Amino acid sequence: MRDLTWGIAATGGIARTVGAAIVAEPGMRVAAVGSRDLGRAEALAATLGAESAYGSYAELCADPAVDAVYVATPHAQHLEVAEAAIAAGKAVLCEKPLAATVADAERMVRLAREAGVFLMEAMWMRFNPLIQMLAADPRFGEIRSVHASFGFALPYDPAHRLWAPELGGGALLDLGIYPLGLAQLLLGMPSGMHLTGSLAPSGVDAEAAGVLLYPGGRRALVDVSLLGHYPNSASVVGTEMRADIDAPFWAPRRVVLSGPSMEPEEHVLDPADNGYAGELREVRACLVKNRTESAIMPLDETLAMMGLLADARGQVP
């Protein structure tokens, strides 16, 4: 097919990173950048070689030169941009979490399905080749435990998006989606969950830790925090094999497999193949096959995770 042309909504760090990944990917290019600040849109467009820059997301989504829109705004703005893109018939790759609330996520999915427009959550962890290798490896036997942490100390600033409730802040929504997402990928959805944590002065969750429960005593231990530096690694323990995933576990470059009947195996990833390229290729592959949803990151699993995150936040006092 011809080059897949992208419009990038927002100009922050993740927009720049994924924009660069688009430019580096054969058969893709950035056609336009949109922002509420036209100057910032023009600057990023120049960096990425895009022909057009817009001072609104509506203009970006209306551009006939754009095939797909990558939504990189703060969580609370995802629905606004995705709704405009879907209405314009553009494929949508939306940063994780899909939305700030379950209701917003459900609306996005409903609109996309009704319109027959492609929509996928940009959960790059699922497209990391090492994570995909673990999910497909039968040598674990029965996976009994997943243990993952993600935490760093972020100085409190009520205007920062991670501390601001109106921007979808909080440790769980932004960080917790990774350890919970690893558990979801390897164990499915839990039958129960017990968490504890604390709130920031702004009311968002500053930290949370606990256990996700599965039938037969299987479990996932998760720990997320904006208050302290954590290992940010993960382990997966099965009846026959274990995996130790180096930090950052959501974008690992090294995994070691070991077990009583095997020599340790070290698997190292090319730094360039970190998951961003994988999710971009998945969008193109789905569009070529006229698919409106991804089998790697299904919308039903995205909605299930949104519900789990909401339940988790409800347990933090």
C-alpha atoms as a PDB file:
ATOM      1  CA  MET A   1       0.000   0.000   0.000  1.00  0.00           C
ATOM      2  CA  ARG A   2       1.023   3.643  -0.242  1.00  0.00           C
ATOM      3  CA  ASP A   3       2.679   5.332   2.720  1.00  0.00           C
ATOM      4  CA  LEU A   4       0.522   5.430   5.832  1.00  0.00           C
ATOM      5  CA  THR A   5       0.223   9.097   6.768  1.00  0.00           C
ATOM      6  CA  TRP A   6      -0.100  10.122  10.392  1.00  0.00           C
ATOM      7  CA  GLY A   7      -1.410  13.122  12.234  1.00  0.00           C
ATOM      8  CA  ILE A   8       0.005  13.647  15.709  1.00  0.00           C
ATOM      9  CA  ALA A   9      -2.250  15.232  18.306  1.00  0.00           C
ATOM     10  CA  ALA A  10      -0.096  17.026  20.936  1.00  0.00           C
ATOM     11  CA  THR A  11       3.566  17.949  21.121  1.00  0.00           C
ATOM     12  CA  GLY A  12       4.851  16.555  24.422  1.00  0.00           C
ATOM     13  CA  GLY A  13       7.604  14.044  25.012  1.00  0.00           C
ATOM     14  CA  ILE A  14       5.673  10.948  23.977  1.00  0.00           C
ATOM     15  CA  ALA A  15       4.411  12.715  20.835  1.00  0.00           C
ATOM     16  CA  ARG A  16       7.994  13.488  19.863  1.00  0.00           C
ATOM     17  CA  THR A  17       9.154   9.944  20.610  1.00  0.00           C
ATOM     18  CA  VAL A  18       6.408   8.192  18.663  1.00  0.00           C
ATOM     19  CA  GLY A  19       6.665  10.780  15.892  1.00  0.00           C
ATOM     20  CA  ALA A  20      10.325   9.894  15.486  1.00  0.00           C
ATOM     21  CA  ALA A  21       9.386   6.196  15.393  1.00  0.00           C
ATOM     22  CA  ILE A  22       6.889   6.923  12.599  1.00  0.00           C
ATOM     23  CA  VAL A  23       9.534   8.784  10.596  1.00  0.00           C
ATOM     24  CA  ALA A  24      11.982   5.887  11.046  1.00  0.00           C
ATOM     25  CA  GLU A  25       9.452   3.263   9.940  1.00  0.00           C
ATOM     26  CA  PRO A  26       9.511   2.412   6.211  1.00  0.00           C
ATOM     27  CA  GLY A  27       6.223   3.148   4.494  1.00  0.00           C
ATOM     28  CA  MET A  28       5.077   5.726   7.036  1.00  0.00           C
ATOM     29  CA  ARG A  29       5.365   9.461   7.446  1.00  0.00           C
ATOM     30  CA  VAL A  30       3.971  12.254   9.589  1.00  0.00           C
ATOM     31  CA  ALA A  31       1.706  14.475   7.490  1.00  0.00           C
ATOM     32  CA  ALA A  32       0.518  16.890  10.177  1.00  0.00           C
ATOM     33  CA  VAL A  33       0.838  17.914  13.809  1.00  0.00           C
ATOM     34  CA  GLY A  34      -1.918  19.491  15.864  1.00  0.00           C
ATOM     35  CA  SER A  35      -1.798  21.331  19.179  1.00  0.00           C
ATOM     36  CA  ARG A  36      -3.691  24.015  21.041  1.00  0.00           C
ATOM     37  CA  ASP A  37      -0.469  26.000  20.649  1.00  0.00           C
ATOM     38  CA  LEU A  38       0.182  26.545  16.935  1.00  0.00           C
ATOM     39  CA  GLY A  39       3.804  27.485  17.542  1.00  0.00           C
ATOM     40  CA  ARG A  40       4.516  24.175  19.247  1.00  0.00           C
ATOM     41  CA  ALA A  41       2.735  22.304  16.456  1.00  0.00           C
ATOM     42  CA  GLU A  42       4.816  24.111  13.847  1.00  0.00           C
ATOM     43  CA  ALA A  43       8.049  23.331  15.696  1.00  0.00           C
ATOM     44  CA  LEU A  44       7.311  19.598  15.950  1.00  0.00           C
ATOM     45  CA  ALA A  45       6.061  19.475  12.359  1.00  0.00           C
ATOM     46  CA  ALA A  46       9.365  20.959  11.209  1.00  0.00           C
ATOM     47  CA  THR A  47      11.312  18.410  13.252  1.00  0.00           C
ATOM     48  CA  LEU A  48       9.345  15.480  11.819  1.00  0.00           C
ATOM     49  CA  GLY A  49       9.153  16.753   8.254  1.00  0.00           C
ATOM     50  CA  ALA A  50       5.367  17.156   8.339  1.00  0.00           C
ATOM     51  CA  GLU A  51       3.743  19.344   5.710  1.00  0.00           C
ATOM     52  CA  SER A  52       1.061  20.852   7.942  1.00  0.00           C
ATOM     53  CA  ALA A  53       0.630  22.200  11.467  1.00  0.00           C
ATOM     54  CA  TYR A  54      -2.618  23.171  13.136  1.00  0.00           C
ATOM     55  CA  GLY A  55      -3.603  25.151  16.190  1.00  0.00           C
ATOM     56  CA  SER A  56      -6.495  22.824  17.020  1.00  0.00           C
ATOM     57  CA  TYR A  57      -7.114  19.101  17.131  1.00  0.00           C
ATOM     58  CA  ALA A  58     -10.293  19.477  15.069  1.00  0.00           C
ATOM     59  CA  GLU A  59      -8.302  20.913  12.149  1.00  0.00           C
ATOM     60  CA  LEU A  60      -5.771  18.093  12.419  1.00  0.00           C
ATOM     61  CA  CYS A  61      -8.488  15.434  12.299  1.00  0.00           C
ATOM     62  CA  ALA A  62     -10.135  17.106   9.296  1.00  0.00           C
ATOM     63  CA  ASP A  63      -6.958  17.122   7.204  1.00  0.00           C
ATOM     64  CA  PRO A  64      -7.602  14.878   4.152  1.00  0.00           C
ATOM     65  CA  ALA A  65      -3.895  14.054   3.966  1.00  0.00           C
ATOM     66  CA  VAL A  66      -4.066  12.219   7.318  1.00  0.00           C
ATOM     67  CA  ASP A  67      -4.913   8.488   7.380  1.00  0.00           C
ATOM     68  CA  ALA A  68      -4.413   7.836  11.090  1.00  0.00           C
ATOM     69  CA  VAL A  69      -4.285  10.013  14.200  1.00  0.00           C
ATOM     70  CA  TYR A  70      -1.947   9.299  17.096  1.00  0.00           C
ATOM     71  CA  VAL A  71      -3.476  10.790  20.262  1.00  0.00           C
ATOM     72  CA  ALA A  72      -0.770  11.879  22.706  1.00  0.00           C
ATOM     73  CA  THR A  73      -2.675  14.452  24.759  1.00  0.00           C
ATOM     74  CA  PRO A  74      -3.202  14.171  28.534  1.00  0.00           C
ATOM     75  CA  HIS A  75      -5.660  11.381  29.388  1.00  0.00           C
ATOM     76  CA  ALA A  76      -8.594  13.694  30.029  1.00  0.00           C
ATOM     77  CA  GLN A  77      -8.422  14.989  26.439  1.00  0.00           C
ATOM     78  CA  HIS A  78      -8.285  11.587  24.728  1.00  0.00           C
ATOM     79  CA  LEU A  79     -12.042  11.384  24.185  1.00  0.00           C
ATOM     80  CA  GLU A  80     -12.254  14.834  22.600  1.00  0.00           C
ATOM     81  CA  VAL A  81      -9.540  14.108  20.052  1.00  0.00           C
ATOM     82  CA  ALA A  82     -10.539  10.519  19.342  1.00  0.00           C
ATOM     83  CA  GLU A  83     -14.156  11.526  18.845  1.00  0.00           C
ATOM     84  CA  ALA A  84     -13.130  14.103  16.226  1.00  0.00           C
ATOM     85  CA  ALA A  85     -10.839  11.631  14.489  1.00  0.00           C
ATOM     86  CA  ILE A  86     -13.459   8.876  14.409  1.00  0.00           C
ATOM     87  CA  ALA A  87     -16.062  11.305  13.055  1.00  0.00           C
ATOM     88  CA  ALA A  88     -13.615  12.152  10.259  1.00  0.00           C
ATOM     89  CA  GLY A  89     -13.074   8.468   9.479  1.00  0.00           C
ATOM     90  CA  LYS A  90      -9.458   8.428  10.652  1.00  0.00           C
ATOM     91  CA  ALA A  91      -7.880   5.389  12.254  1.00  0.00           C
ATOM     92  CA  VAL A  92      -6.957   6.128  15.879  1.00  0.00           C
ATOM     93  CA  LEU A  93      -3.966   5.003  17.913  1.00  0.00           C
ATOM     94  CA  CYS A  94      -4.567   6.425  21.392  1.00  0.00           C
ATOM     95  CA  GLU A  95      -2.001   6.573  24.169  1.00  0.00           C
ATOM     96  CA  LYS A  96      -2.623   4.477  27.231  1.00  0.00           C
ATOM     97  CA  PRO A  97      -4.771   4.542  29.212  1.00  0.00           C
ATOM     98  CA  LEU A  98      -7.420   4.823  26.524  1.00  0.00           C
ATOM     99  CA  ALA A  99      -9.252   7.492  28.517  1.00  0.00           C
ATOM    100  CA  ALA A 100      -9.406   9.114  31.931  1.00  0.00           C
ATOM    101  CA  THR A 101     -12.631   7.335  32.910  1.00  0.00           C
ATOM    102  CA  VAL A 102     -14.441   4.123  32.131  1.00  0.00           C
ATOM    103  CA  ALA A 103     -17.355   6.094  30.674  1.00  0.00           C
ATOM    104  CA  ASP A 104     -15.061   7.974  28.281  1.00  0.00           C
ATOM    105  CA  ALA A 105     -13.378   4.739  27.182  1.00  0.00           C
ATOM    106  CA  GLU A 106     -16.709   3.042  26.607  1.00  0.00           C
ATOM    107  CA  ARG A 107     -17.875   5.982  24.505  1.00  0.00           C
ATOM    108  CA  MET A 108     -14.726   5.903  22.383  1.00  0.00           C
ATOM    109  CA  VAL A 109     -15.100   2.194  21.711  1.00  0.00           C
ATOM    110  CA  ARG A 110     -18.806   2.507  20.939  1.00  0.00           C
ATOM    111  CA  LEU A 111     -18.224   5.368  18.497  1.00  0.00           C
ATOM    112  CA  ALA A 112     -15.424   3.517  16.734  1.00  0.00           C
ATOM    113  CA  ARG A 113     -17.421   0.312  16.414  1.00  0.00           C
ATOM    114  CA  GLU A 114     -20.532   2.121  15.192  1.00  0.00           C
ATOM    115  CA  ALA A 115     -18.490   4.003  12.592  1.00  0.00           C
ATOM    116  CA  GLY A 116     -16.427   0.979  11.583  1.00  0.00           C
ATOM    117  CA  VAL A 117     -13.239   2.934  12.294  1.00  0.00           C
ATOM    118  CA  PHE A 118     -10.018   1.401  13.623  1.00  0.00           C
ATOM    119  CA  LEU A 119      -9.206   2.170  17.271  1.00  0.00           C
ATOM    120  CA  MET A 120      -6.399   0.775  19.413  1.00  0.00           C
ATOM    121  CA  GLU A 121      -4.834   1.646  22.740  1.00  0.00           C
ATOM    122  CA  ALA A 122      -1.113   2.350  22.373  1.00  0.00           C
ATOM    123  CA  MET A 123       0.027  -0.138  25.001  1.00  0.00           C
ATOM    124  CA  TRP A 124       3.602  -0.457  23.739  1.00  0.00           C
ATOM    125  CA  MET A 125       4.427  -3.128  26.318  1.00  0.00           C
ATOM    126  CA  ARG A 126       2.269  -5.619  24.401  1.00  0.00           C
ATOM    127  CA  PHE A 127       4.295  -4.993  21.261  1.00  0.00           C
ATOM    128  CA  ASN A 128       7.720  -5.468  22.850  1.00  0.00           C
ATOM    129  CA  PRO A 129       9.175  -8.656  21.301  1.00  0.00           C
ATOM    130  CA  LEU A 130      10.464  -9.949  24.654  1.00  0.00           C
ATOM    131  CA  ILE A 131       7.064  -9.537  26.295  1.00  0.00           C
ATOM    132  CA  GLN A 132       5.431 -11.234  23.314  1.00  0.00           C
ATOM    133  CA  MET A 133       7.953 -14.063  23.626  1.00  0.00           C
ATOM    134  CA  LEU A 134       7.035 -14.606  27.277  1.00  0.00           C
ATOM    135  CA  ALA A 135       3.308 -14.567  26.573  1.00  0.00           C
ATOM    136  CA  ALA A 136       3.724 -17.285  23.944  1.00  0.00           C
ATOM    137  CA  ASP A 137       6.248 -19.526  25.758  1.00  0.00           C
ATOM    138  CA  PRO A 138       4.652 -22.820  26.904  1.00  0.00           C
ATOM    139  CA  ARG A 139       7.644 -23.786  29.056  1.00  0.00           C
ATOM    140  CA  PHE A 140       6.350 -21.908  32.106  1.00  0.00           C
ATOM    141  CA  GLY A 141       3.908 -24.716  32.758  1.00  0.00           C
ATOM    142  CA  GLU A 142       1.193 -23.050  34.830  1.00  0.00           C
ATOM    143  CA  ILE A 143       2.032 -19.458  35.692  1.00  0.00           C
ATOM    144  CA  ARG A 144       1.585 -19.094  39.439  1.00  0.00           C
ATOM    145  CA  SER A 145       2.818 -15.586  40.137  1.00  0.00           C
ATOM    146  CA  VAL A 146       3.549 -12.280  38.429  1.00  0.00           C
ATOM    147  CA  HIS A 147       5.406  -9.634  40.438  1.00  0.00           C
ATOM    148  CA  ALA A 148       6.006  -6.141  39.062  1.00  0.00           C
ATOM    149  CA  SER A 149       6.776  -2.656  40.380  1.00  0.00           C
ATOM    150  CA  PHE A 150       6.827   0.790  38.812  1.00  0.00           C
ATOM    151  CA  GLY A 151       7.693   3.796  40.921  1.00  0.00           C
ATOM    152  CA  PHE A 152       9.717   6.981  40.995  1.00  0.00           C
ATOM    153  CA  ALA A 153       9.820  10.036  43.232  1.00  0.00           C
ATOM    154  CA  LEU A 154       8.050  12.948  41.566  1.00  0.00           C
ATOM    155  CA  PRO A 155       8.116  16.276  43.450  1.00  0.00           C
ATOM    156  CA  TYR A 156       4.599  17.357  44.253  1.00  0.00           C
ATOM    157  CA  ASP A 157       3.247  20.044  41.943  1.00  0.00           C
ATOM    158  CA  PRO A 158      -0.550  20.292  41.710  1.00  0.00           C
ATOM    159  CA  ALA A 159      -0.246  21.653  38.158  1.00  0.00           C
ATOM    160  CA  HIS A 160       1.716  18.627  36.906  1.00  0.00           C
ATOM    161  CA  ARG A 161      -0.435  16.207  34.921  1.00  0.00           C
ATOM    162  CA  LEU A 162       0.401  13.281  37.220  1.00  0.00           C
ATOM    163  CA  TRP A 163      -0.779  15.201  40.301  1.00  0.00           C
ATOM    164  CA  ALA A 164      -3.770  16.974  38.720  1.00  0.00           C
ATOM    165  CA  PRO A 165      -7.124  15.151  38.881  1.00  0.00           C
ATOM    166  CA  GLU A 166      -8.549  17.192  36.010  1.00  0.00           C
ATOM    167  CA  LEU A 167      -5.756  15.861  33.768  1.00  0.00           C
ATOM    168  CA  GLY A 168      -6.301  12.233  34.780  1.00  0.00           C
ATOM    169  CA  GLY A 169      -3.429  12.157  37.250  1.00  0.00           C
ATOM    170  CA  GLY A 170      -2.460   9.506  39.764  1.00  0.00           C
ATOM    171  CA  ALA A 171      -0.022   6.635  40.004  1.00  0.00           C
ATOM    172  CA  LEU A 172      -2.469   3.892  39.050  1.00  0.00           C
ATOM    173  CA  LEU A 173      -3.794   5.349  35.825  1.00  0.00           C
ATOM    174  CA  ASP A 174      -0.394   6.317  34.464  1.00  0.00           C
ATOM    175  CA  LEU A 175       1.965   3.761  36.020  1.00  0.00           C
ATOM    176  CA  GLY A 176      -0.268   1.027  37.388  1.00  0.00           C
ATOM    177  CA  ILE A 177      -1.567   0.118  33.957  1.00  0.00           C
ATOM    178  CA  TYR A 178       1.799  -1.549  33.297  1.00  0.00           C
ATOM    179  CA  PRO A 179       2.053  -4.036  36.191  1.00  0.00           C
ATOM    180  CA  LEU A 180      -1.691  -4.658  36.033  1.00  0.00           C
ATOM    181  CA  GLY A 181      -1.389  -4.972  32.262  1.00  0.00           C
ATOM    182  CA  LEU A 182       1.405  -7.547  32.552  1.00  0.00           C
ATOM    183  CA  ALA A 183      -0.773  -9.575  34.907  1.00  0.00           C
ATOM    184  CA  GLN A 184      -3.727  -9.240  32.527  1.00  0.00           C
ATOM    185  CA  LEU A 185      -1.648 -10.461  29.597  1.00  0.00           C
ATOM    186  CA  LEU A 186      -0.241 -13.498  31.413  1.00  0.00           C
ATOM    187  CA  LEU A 187      -3.009 -14.416  33.880  1.00  0.00           C
ATOM    188  CA  GLY A 188      -6.147 -12.774  32.536  1.00  0.00           C
ATOM    189  CA  MET A 189      -8.557 -10.752  34.642  1.00  0.00           C
ATOM    190  CA  PRO A 190      -8.467 -11.369  38.408  1.00  0.00           C
ATOM    191  CA  SER A 191     -11.313 -12.764  40.469  1.00  0.00           C
ATOM    192  CA  GLY A 192     -10.498 -10.346  43.281  1.00  0.00           C
ATOM    193  CA  MET A 193      -8.092  -7.614  44.338  1.00  0.00           C
ATOM    194  CA  HIS A 194      -6.828  -6.157  47.613  1.00  0.00           C
ATOM    195  CA  LEU A 195      -4.888  -2.894  47.514  1.00  0.00           C
ATOM    196  CA  THR A 196      -3.697  -0.239  49.892  1.00  0.00           C
ATOM    197  CA  GLY A 197      -2.068   3.118  49.255  1.00  0.00           C
ATOM    198  CA  SER A 198      -2.210   6.831  49.898  1.00  0.00           C
ATOM    199  CA  LEU A 199      -3.574   9.982  48.292  1.00  0.00           C
ATOM    200  CA  ALA A 200      -1.824  13.190  47.302  1.00  0.00           C
ATOM    201  CA  PRO A 201      -3.111  16.555  48.585  1.00  0.00           C
ATOM    202  CA  SER A 202      -4.831  17.010  45.211  1.00  0.00           C
ATOM    203  CA  GLY A 203      -6.826  13.837  45.818  1.00  0.00           C
ATOM    204  CA  VAL A 204      -5.193  11.582  43.216  1.00  0.00           C
ATOM    205  CA  ASP A 205      -3.603   8.293  44.278  1.00  0.00           C
ATOM    206  CA  ALA A 206       0.079   8.805  45.063  1.00  0.00           C
ATOM    207  CA  GLU A 207       0.878   5.120  45.553  1.00  0.00           C
ATOM    208  CA  ALA A 208      -0.807   1.734  45.627  1.00  0.00           C
ATOM    209  CA  ALA A 209       0.280  -1.811  46.316  1.00  0.00           C
ATOM    210  CA  GLY A 210      -1.402  -5.133  46.735  1.00  0.00           C
ATOM    211  CA  VAL A 211      -2.405  -8.440  45.264  1.00  0.00           C
ATOM    212  CA  LEU A 212      -4.597  -9.514  42.381  1.00  0.00           C
ATOM    213  CA  LEU A 213      -6.239 -12.873  43.025  1.00  0.00           C
ATOM    214  CA  TYR A 214      -6.846 -15.680  40.537  1.00  0.00           C
ATOM    215  CA  PRO A 215      -8.437 -19.128  40.855  1.00  0.00           C
ATOM    216  CA  GLY A 216      -6.336 -21.815  42.463  1.00  0.00           C
ATOM    217  CA  GLY A 217      -4.205 -19.411  44.475  1.00  0.00           C
ATOM    218  CA  ARG A 218      -2.464 -17.816  41.512  1.00  0.00           C
ATOM    219  CA  ARG A 219      -1.650 -14.168  42.085  1.00  0.00           C
ATOM    220  CA  ALA A 220      -0.059 -10.972  40.883  1.00  0.00           C
ATOM    221  CA  LEU A 221       1.795  -8.675  43.280  1.00  0.00           C
ATOM    222  CA  VAL A 222       1.878  -5.064  42.114  1.00  0.00           C
ATOM    223  CA  ASP A 223       3.473  -1.913  43.504  1.00  0.00           C
ATOM    224  CA  VAL A 224       3.206   1.581  41.973  1.00  0.00           C
ATOM    225  CA  SER A 225       4.292   4.913  43.383  1.00  0.00           C
ATOM    226  CA  LEU A 226       4.992   8.565  42.665  1.00  0.00           C
ATOM    227  CA  LEU A 227       6.727   8.852  46.040  1.00  0.00           C
ATOM    228  CA  GLY A 228       9.771   6.600  45.790  1.00  0.00           C
ATOM    229  CA  HIS A 229      12.203   4.863  43.461  1.00  0.00           C
ATOM    230  CA  TYR A 230      11.298   1.203  42.887  1.00  0.00           C
ATOM    231  CA  PRO A 231      13.146  -1.625  41.088  1.00  0.00           C
ATOM    232  CA  ASN A 232      10.821  -1.280  38.066  1.00  0.00           C
ATOM    233  CA  SER A 233      11.566  -4.889  37.193  1.00  0.00           C
ATOM    234  CA  ALA A 234       9.284  -7.913  37.076  1.00  0.00           C
ATOM    235  CA  SER A 235       9.301 -11.656  37.515  1.00  0.00           C
ATOM    236  CA  VAL A 236       7.033 -14.377  36.226  1.00  0.00           C
ATOM    237  CA  VAL A 237       7.037 -17.711  38.056  1.00  0.00           C
ATOM    238  CA  GLY A 238       5.582 -20.874  36.588  1.00  0.00           C
ATOM    239  CA  THR A 239       5.566 -24.482  37.704  1.00  0.00           C
ATOM    240  CA  GLU A 240       8.362 -25.306  35.242  1.00  0.00           C
ATOM    241  CA  MET A 241      10.179 -22.038  34.507  1.00  0.00           C
ATOM    242  CA  ARG A 242      10.631 -18.483  35.689  1.00  0.00           C
ATOM    243  CA  ALA A 243      11.431 -15.244  33.907  1.00  0.00           C
ATOM    244  CA  ASP A 244      13.286 -12.284  35.350  1.00  0.00           C
ATOM    245  CA  ILE A 245      12.553  -9.132  33.370  1.00  0.00           C
ATOM    246  CA  ASP A 246      15.042  -6.290  33.636  1.00  0.00           C
ATOM    247  CA  ALA A 247      13.944  -2.730  34.286  1.00  0.00           C
ATOM    248  CA  PRO A 248      12.046  -1.143  32.765  1.00  0.00           C
ATOM    249  CA  PHE A 249       9.905  -4.264  32.595  1.00  0.00           C
ATOM    250  CA  TRP A 250       7.294  -2.549  30.381  1.00  0.00           C
ATOM    251  CA  ALA A 251       9.956  -1.971  27.703  1.00  0.00           C
ATOM    252  CA  PRO A 252      12.619  -4.563  28.525  1.00  0.00           C
ATOM    253  CA  ARG A 253      15.823  -5.076  26.633  1.00  0.00           C
ATOM    254  CA  ARG A 254      16.832  -8.172  28.571  1.00  0.00           C
ATOM    255  CA  VAL A 255      15.003 -11.195  29.983  1.00  0.00           C
ATOM    256  CA  VAL A 256      16.544 -14.235  31.687  1.00  0.00           C
ATOM    257  CA  LEU A 257      14.675 -17.547  31.689  1.00  0.00           C
ATOM    258  CA  SER A 258      15.626 -20.256  34.166  1.00  0.00           C
ATOM    259  CA  GLY A 259      14.327 -23.477  35.642  1.00  0.00           C
ATOM    260  CA  PRO A 260      15.372 -26.698  37.337  1.00  0.00           C
ATOM    261  CA  SER A 261      15.625 -28.605  34.055  1.00  0.00           C
ATOM    262  CA  MET A 262      17.196 -25.938  31.858  1.00  0.00           C
ATOM    263  CA  GLU A 263      20.294 -23.837  31.558  1.00  0.00           C
ATOM    264  CA  PRO A 264      19.601 -20.110  32.047  1.00  0.00           C
ATOM    265  CA  GLU A 265      18.690 -18.376  28.818  1.00  0.00           C
ATOM    266  CA  GLU A 266      19.449 -14.710  28.245  1.00  0.00           C
ATOM    267  CA  HIS A 267      17.375 -12.915  25.627  1.00  0.00           C
ATOM    268  CA  VAL A 268      18.502  -9.418  24.593  1.00  0.00           C
ATOM    269  CA  LEU A 269      16.522  -7.024  22.424  1.00  0.00           C
ATOM    270  CA  ASP A 270      17.761  -4.596  19.827  1.00  0.00           C
ATOM    271  CA  PRO A 271      17.209  -1.181  21.493  1.00  0.00           C
ATOM    272  CA  ALA A 272      15.431   0.129  18.397  1.00  0.00           C
ATOM    273  CA  ASP A 273      12.740  -2.573  18.617  1.00  0.00           C
ATOM    274  CA  ASN A 274      11.158  -1.317  21.831  1.00  0.00           C
ATOM    275  CA  GLY A 275       7.464  -1.683  21.036  1.00  0.00           C
ATOM    276  CA  TYR A 276       6.661   1.645  19.397  1.00  0.00           C
ATOM    277  CA  ALA A 277       7.474   0.284  15.948  1.00  0.00           C
ATOM    278  CA  GLY A 278       5.421  -2.818  16.710  1.00  0.00           C
ATOM    279  CA  GLU A 279       2.263  -0.901  17.516  1.00  0.00           C
ATOM    280  CA  LEU A 280       2.679   1.277  14.415  1.00  0.00           C
ATOM    281  CA  ARG A 281       3.086  -1.816  12.247  1.00  0.00           C
ATOM    282  CA  GLU A 282      -0.008  -3.344  13.846  1.00  0.00           C
ATOM    283  CA  VAL A 283      -2.090  -0.318  12.868  1.00  0.00           C
ATOM    284  CA  ARG A 284      -0.924  -0.607   9.269  1.00  0.00           C
ATOM    285  CA  ALA A 285      -1.446  -4.385   9.176  1.00  0.00           C
ATOM    286  CA  CYS A 286      -4.997  -4.039  10.481  1.00  0.00           C
ATOM    287  CA  LEU A 287      -5.835  -1.305   7.984  1.00  0.00           C
ATOM    288  CA  VAL A 288      -4.468  -3.384   5.097  1.00  0.00           C
ATOM    289  CA  LYS A 289      -6.772  -6.230   6.165  1.00  0.00           C
ATOM    290  CA  ASN A 290      -9.721  -3.881   6.793  1.00  0.00           C
ATOM    291  CA  ARG A 291      -9.751  -4.752  10.490  1.00  0.00           C
ATOM    292  CA  THR A 292     -11.139  -2.202  12.919  1.00  0.00           C
ATOM    293  CA  GLU A 293      -9.645  -3.820  16.030  1.00  0.00           C
ATOM    294  CA  SER A 294      -6.305  -5.389  16.922  1.00  0.00           C
ATOM    295  CA  ALA A 295      -6.014  -8.991  18.047  1.00  0.00           C
ATOM    296  CA  ILE A 296      -2.855  -8.087  19.979  1.00  0.00           C
ATOM    297  CA  MET A 297      -4.496  -5.244  21.936  1.00  0.00           C
ATOM    298  CA  PRO A 298      -8.259  -5.968  21.728  1.00  0.00           C
ATOM    299  CA  LEU A 299     -10.672  -3.228  22.722  1.00  0.00           C
ATOM    300  CA  ASP A 300     -12.525  -5.545  25.107  1.00  0.00           C
ATOM    301  CA  GLU A 301      -9.275  -6.076  27.034  1.00  0.00           C
ATOM    302  CA  THR A 302      -8.666  -2.333  27.056  1.00  0.00           C
ATOM    303  CA  LEU A 303     -12.135  -1.785  28.549  1.00  0.00           C
ATOM    304  CA  ALA A 304     -11.576  -4.538  31.099  1.00  0.00           C
ATOM    305  CA  MET A 305      -8.348  -2.832  32.192  1.00  0.00           C
ATOM    306  CA  MET A 306     -10.123   0.520  32.500  1.00  0.00           C
ATOM    307  CA  GLY A 307     -12.614  -1.117  34.843  1.00  0.00           C
ATOM    308  CA  LEU A 308      -9.853  -2.767  36.852  1.00  0.00           C
ATOM    309  CA  LEU A 309      -8.000   0.538  37.226  1.00  0.00           C
ATOM    310  CA  ALA A 310     -11.204   2.223  38.407  1.00  0.00           C
ATOM    311  CA  ASP A 311     -11.764  -0.531  40.987  1.00  0.00           C
ATOM    312  CA  ALA A 312      -8.138  -0.220  42.109  1.00  0.00           C
ATOM    313  CA  ARG A 313      -8.408   3.537  42.595  1.00  0.00           C
ATOM    314  CA  GLY A 314     -11.559   2.951  44.607  1.00  0.00           C
ATOM    315  CA  GLN A 315      -9.579   0.848  47.103  1.00  0.00           C
ATOM    316  CA  VAL A 316      -6.987   3.524  47.841  1.00  0.00           C
ATOM    317  CA  PRO A 317      -8.254   5.443  50.906  1.00  0.00           C
END
